[in-house]
Amino acid sequence: GCLRVSPDGLLLACGDRHGDLKVLRITNSGLQIAEELSAHDSEVLSVDWGGHDGRALASGGRDGMVHVMRWGGETGKEGLEVCCTLEDHGGAVSAVRFTAKGGKLLSCGGDQRLLIRSVGGGKG
C-alpha cells in the first residue's frame, strides 16, 4: 500500500492492494476513518495531496488509471468528490505527485512515460 498526509496535517490518505482508498482523520486519540472509496480495479500504488489549497487528492494504480479528487468538493461537505479520471498511461501508474504550487500533476508508470497535466484553477 501507499500513504500520504495532507498538507494541513489533519488527514491521511492510503491505498491498498485491492484498489481501495481510505482517508483517515488524524486526531489526538488516533486515526478515524473519514471516507472509504473503491477507486481502482487493482492495487493503489501512489497517492498525493495537492492543488492550490492542498485539498486535491490524486491516486495512481496498477490498473493504469489516475483519479483526481477533492476533499470537500464543490459543496464544502466533508468527503471525497471525484473530479476526473485519466487513462493516459499504457501500464501501471507507479507515482503521482502535485507540483509545489499545486497547479500541475505529474504521473509516471510502467509505460516509461512521465506525464504532466494542469489540474484546474481557482481553489483546486
C-alpha atoms as a PDB file:
ATOM      1  CA  GLY A   1       0.000   0.000   0.000  1.00  0.00           C
ATOM      2  CA  CYS A   2       0.876   3.681  -0.003  1.00  0.00           C
ATOM      3  CA  LEU A   3       0.077   6.661   2.180  1.00  0.00           C
ATOM      4  CA  ARG A   4       0.378  10.447   2.353  1.00  0.00           C
ATOM      5  CA  VAL A   5      -0.527  13.052   4.990  1.00  0.00           C
ATOM      6  CA  SER A   6      -2.433  16.146   3.807  1.00  0.00           C
ATOM      7  CA  PRO A   7      -0.574  19.494   3.837  1.00  0.00           C
ATOM      8  CA  ASP A   8      -2.577  20.683   6.874  1.00  0.00           C
ATOM      9  CA  GLY A   9      -1.651  17.509   8.785  1.00  0.00           C
ATOM     10  CA  LEU A  10      -5.275  16.632   9.518  1.00  0.00           C
ATOM     11  CA  LEU A  11      -5.896  13.791   7.033  1.00  0.00           C
ATOM     12  CA  LEU A  12      -4.089  10.633   5.951  1.00  0.00           C
ATOM     13  CA  ALA A  13      -4.827   9.061   2.562  1.00  0.00           C
ATOM     14  CA  CYS A  14      -3.850   5.442   1.981  1.00  0.00           C
ATOM     15  CA  GLY A  15      -4.390   2.895  -0.734  1.00  0.00           C
ATOM     16  CA  ASP A  16      -4.305  -0.893  -0.607  1.00  0.00           C
ATOM     17  CA  ARG A  17      -3.702  -3.882  -2.851  1.00  0.00           C
ATOM     18  CA  HIS A  18      -7.428  -4.316  -3.512  1.00  0.00           C
ATOM     19  CA  GLY A  19      -7.781  -0.864  -5.126  1.00  0.00           C
ATOM     20  CA  ASP A  20      -9.466   0.728  -2.122  1.00  0.00           C
ATOM     21  CA  LEU A  21      -8.636   4.246  -0.999  1.00  0.00           C
ATOM     22  CA  LYS A  22      -9.187   5.430   2.570  1.00  0.00           C
ATOM     23  CA  VAL A  23      -8.989   8.889   4.091  1.00  0.00           C
ATOM     24  CA  LEU A  24      -8.446   8.900   7.834  1.00  0.00           C
ATOM     25  CA  ARG A  25      -8.799  11.841  10.195  1.00  0.00           C
ATOM     26  CA  ILE A  26      -5.711  12.314  12.386  1.00  0.00           C
ATOM     27  CA  THR A  27      -6.730  13.153  15.954  1.00  0.00           C
ATOM     28  CA  ASN A  28      -5.020  13.295  19.340  1.00  0.00           C
ATOM     29  CA  SER A  29      -6.625   9.951  20.180  1.00  0.00           C
ATOM     30  CA  GLY A  30      -5.574   8.222  16.937  1.00  0.00           C
ATOM     31  CA  LEU A  31      -6.993   7.687  13.457  1.00  0.00           C
ATOM     32  CA  GLN A  32     -10.669   7.730  12.472  1.00  0.00           C
ATOM     33  CA  ILE A  33     -11.971   6.616   9.077  1.00  0.00           C
ATOM     34  CA  ALA A  34     -13.463   9.642   7.308  1.00  0.00           C
ATOM     35  CA  GLU A  35     -14.012   8.115   3.839  1.00  0.00           C
ATOM     36  CA  GLU A  36     -13.630   4.780   2.045  1.00  0.00           C
ATOM     37  CA  LEU A  37     -13.763   4.519  -1.720  1.00  0.00           C
ATOM     38  CA  SER A  38     -13.307   1.666  -4.173  1.00  0.00           C
ATOM     39  CA  ALA A  39     -11.057   3.669  -6.502  1.00  0.00           C
ATOM     40  CA  HIS A  40      -9.100   1.243  -8.685  1.00  0.00           C
ATOM     41  CA  ASP A  41      -9.602  -2.198 -10.211  1.00  0.00           C
ATOM     42  CA  SER A  42      -6.342  -3.366  -8.644  1.00  0.00           C
ATOM     43  CA  GLU A  43      -3.602  -2.172  -6.281  1.00  0.00           C
ATOM     44  CA  VAL A  44      -3.263   1.539  -5.476  1.00  0.00           C
ATOM     45  CA  LEU A  45       0.428   2.317  -5.987  1.00  0.00           C
ATOM     46  CA  SER A  46       0.604   6.033  -5.176  1.00  0.00           C
ATOM     47  CA  VAL A  47      -1.380   8.858  -3.573  1.00  0.00           C
ATOM     48  CA  ASP A  48      -0.618  12.551  -3.150  1.00  0.00           C
ATOM     49  CA  TRP A  49      -2.356  15.614  -1.722  1.00  0.00           C
ATOM     50  CA  GLY A  50      -2.002  18.941  -3.518  1.00  0.00           C
ATOM     51  CA  GLY A  51      -3.815  21.518  -5.572  1.00  0.00           C
ATOM     52  CA  HIS A  52      -3.765  25.237  -4.831  1.00  0.00           C
ATOM     53  CA  ASP A  53      -5.393  24.723  -1.417  1.00  0.00           C
ATOM     54  CA  GLY A  54      -3.964  21.280  -0.585  1.00  0.00           C
ATOM     55  CA  ARG A  55      -7.402  19.641  -0.769  1.00  0.00           C
ATOM     56  CA  ALA A  56      -6.947  17.795  -4.063  1.00  0.00           C
ATOM     57  CA  LEU A  57      -6.042  14.108  -3.844  1.00  0.00           C
ATOM     58  CA  ALA A  58      -4.635  12.056  -6.701  1.00  0.00           C
ATOM     59  CA  SER A  59      -4.258   8.290  -6.821  1.00  0.00           C
ATOM     60  CA  GLY A  60      -2.467   6.081  -9.316  1.00  0.00           C
ATOM     61  CA  GLY A  61      -2.983   2.367  -9.673  1.00  0.00           C
ATOM     62  CA  ARG A  62      -1.832  -0.844 -11.242  1.00  0.00           C
ATOM     63  CA  ASP A  63      -4.939  -0.563 -13.481  1.00  0.00           C
ATOM     64  CA  GLY A  64      -3.266   2.329 -15.364  1.00  0.00           C
ATOM     65  CA  MET A  65      -5.678   4.984 -14.133  1.00  0.00           C
ATOM     66  CA  VAL A  66      -5.129   8.252 -12.284  1.00  0.00           C
ATOM     67  CA  HIS A  67      -8.055   9.628 -10.272  1.00  0.00           C
ATOM     68  CA  VAL A  68      -8.135  13.275  -9.201  1.00  0.00           C
ATOM     69  CA  MET A  69     -10.491  14.042  -6.303  1.00  0.00           C
ATOM     70  CA  ARG A  70     -11.244  16.917  -3.952  1.00  0.00           C
ATOM     71  CA  TRP A  71     -11.761  16.702  -0.225  1.00  0.00           C
ATOM     72  CA  GLY A  72     -14.871  18.742   0.466  1.00  0.00           C
ATOM     73  CA  GLY A  73     -15.815  19.006  -3.201  1.00  0.00           C
ATOM     74  CA  GLU A  74     -17.804  21.936  -4.529  1.00  0.00           C
ATOM     75  CA  THR A  75     -20.294  21.818  -1.654  1.00  0.00           C
ATOM     76  CA  GLY A  76     -17.674  22.037   1.077  1.00  0.00           C
ATOM     77  CA  LYS A  77     -19.097  18.936   2.787  1.00  0.00           C
ATOM     78  CA  GLU A  78     -16.588  16.518   4.245  1.00  0.00           C
ATOM     79  CA  GLY A  79     -15.785  13.677   1.859  1.00  0.00           C
ATOM     80  CA  LEU A  80     -14.174  12.949  -1.493  1.00  0.00           C
ATOM     81  CA  GLU A  81     -15.631  14.060  -4.800  1.00  0.00           C
ATOM     82  CA  VAL A  82     -14.064  12.556  -7.941  1.00  0.00           C
ATOM     83  CA  CYS A  83     -13.170  15.365 -10.353  1.00  0.00           C
ATOM     84  CA  CYS A  84     -11.740  13.319 -13.210  1.00  0.00           C
ATOM     85  CA  THR A  85     -10.200  10.013 -14.203  1.00  0.00           C
ATOM     86  CA  LEU A  86      -7.188   9.997 -16.516  1.00  0.00           C
ATOM     87  CA  GLU A  87      -6.374   6.924 -18.575  1.00  0.00           C
ATOM     88  CA  ASP A  88      -3.305   8.172 -20.455  1.00  0.00           C
ATOM     89  CA  HIS A  89      -0.825   5.557 -19.260  1.00  0.00           C
ATOM     90  CA  GLY A  90      -0.356   2.257 -21.050  1.00  0.00           C
ATOM     91  CA  GLY A  91       0.504   0.402 -17.857  1.00  0.00           C
ATOM     92  CA  ALA A  92       0.565   0.659 -14.085  1.00  0.00           C
ATOM     93  CA  VAL A  93       0.873   4.176 -12.646  1.00  0.00           C
ATOM     94  CA  SER A  94       3.667   3.904 -10.097  1.00  0.00           C
ATOM     95  CA  ALA A  95       3.759   7.535  -8.892  1.00  0.00           C
ATOM     96  CA  VAL A  96       1.552  10.635  -8.779  1.00  0.00           C
ATOM     97  CA  ARG A  97       2.791  13.976  -7.406  1.00  0.00           C
ATOM     98  CA  PHE A  98       1.445  17.514  -7.378  1.00  0.00           C
ATOM     99  CA  THR A  99       3.887  20.338  -8.047  1.00  0.00           C
ATOM    100  CA  ALA A 100       4.796  22.573  -5.092  1.00  0.00           C
ATOM    101  CA  LYS A 101       2.363  25.332  -6.103  1.00  0.00           C
ATOM    102  CA  GLY A 102      -0.347  22.782  -6.860  1.00  0.00           C
ATOM    103  CA  GLY A 103      -1.248  23.687 -10.421  1.00  0.00           C
ATOM    104  CA  LYS A 104       0.174  20.613 -12.104  1.00  0.00           C
ATOM    105  CA  LEU A 105       0.051  16.859 -11.559  1.00  0.00           C
ATOM    106  CA  LEU A 106       2.889  14.566 -12.599  1.00  0.00           C
ATOM    107  CA  SER A 107       2.491  10.831 -13.111  1.00  0.00           C
ATOM    108  CA  CYS A 108       4.770   8.076 -14.283  1.00  0.00           C
ATOM    109  CA  GLY A 109       4.394   4.397 -14.789  1.00  0.00           C
ATOM    110  CA  GLY A 110       5.228   1.095 -16.376  1.00  0.00           C
ATOM    111  CA  ASP A 111       4.875   2.566 -19.873  1.00  0.00           C
ATOM    112  CA  GLN A 112       8.051   4.590 -19.102  1.00  0.00           C
ATOM    113  CA  ARG A 113       6.298   7.918 -19.686  1.00  0.00           C
ATOM    114  CA  LEU A 114       6.236  10.956 -17.423  1.00  0.00           C
ATOM    115  CA  LEU A 115       3.044  12.952 -17.929  1.00  0.00           C
ATOM    116  CA  ILE A 116       2.452  16.497 -16.688  1.00  0.00           C
ATOM    117  CA  ARG A 117      -1.086  17.894 -16.611  1.00  0.00           C
ATOM    118  CA  SER A 118      -2.767  21.068 -15.434  1.00  0.00           C
ATOM    119  CA  VAL A 119      -5.245  20.266 -12.693  1.00  0.00           C
ATOM    120  CA  GLY A 120      -7.572  23.224 -12.661  1.00  0.00           C
ATOM    121  CA  GLY A 121      -7.518  26.740 -11.405  1.00  0.00           C
ATOM    122  CA  GLY A 122      -9.250  28.613  -8.671  1.00  0.00           C
ATOM    123  CA  LYS A 123      -9.478  26.606  -5.477  1.00  0.00           C
ATOM    124  CA  GLY A 124      -8.493  23.240  -6.952  1.00  0.00           C
END
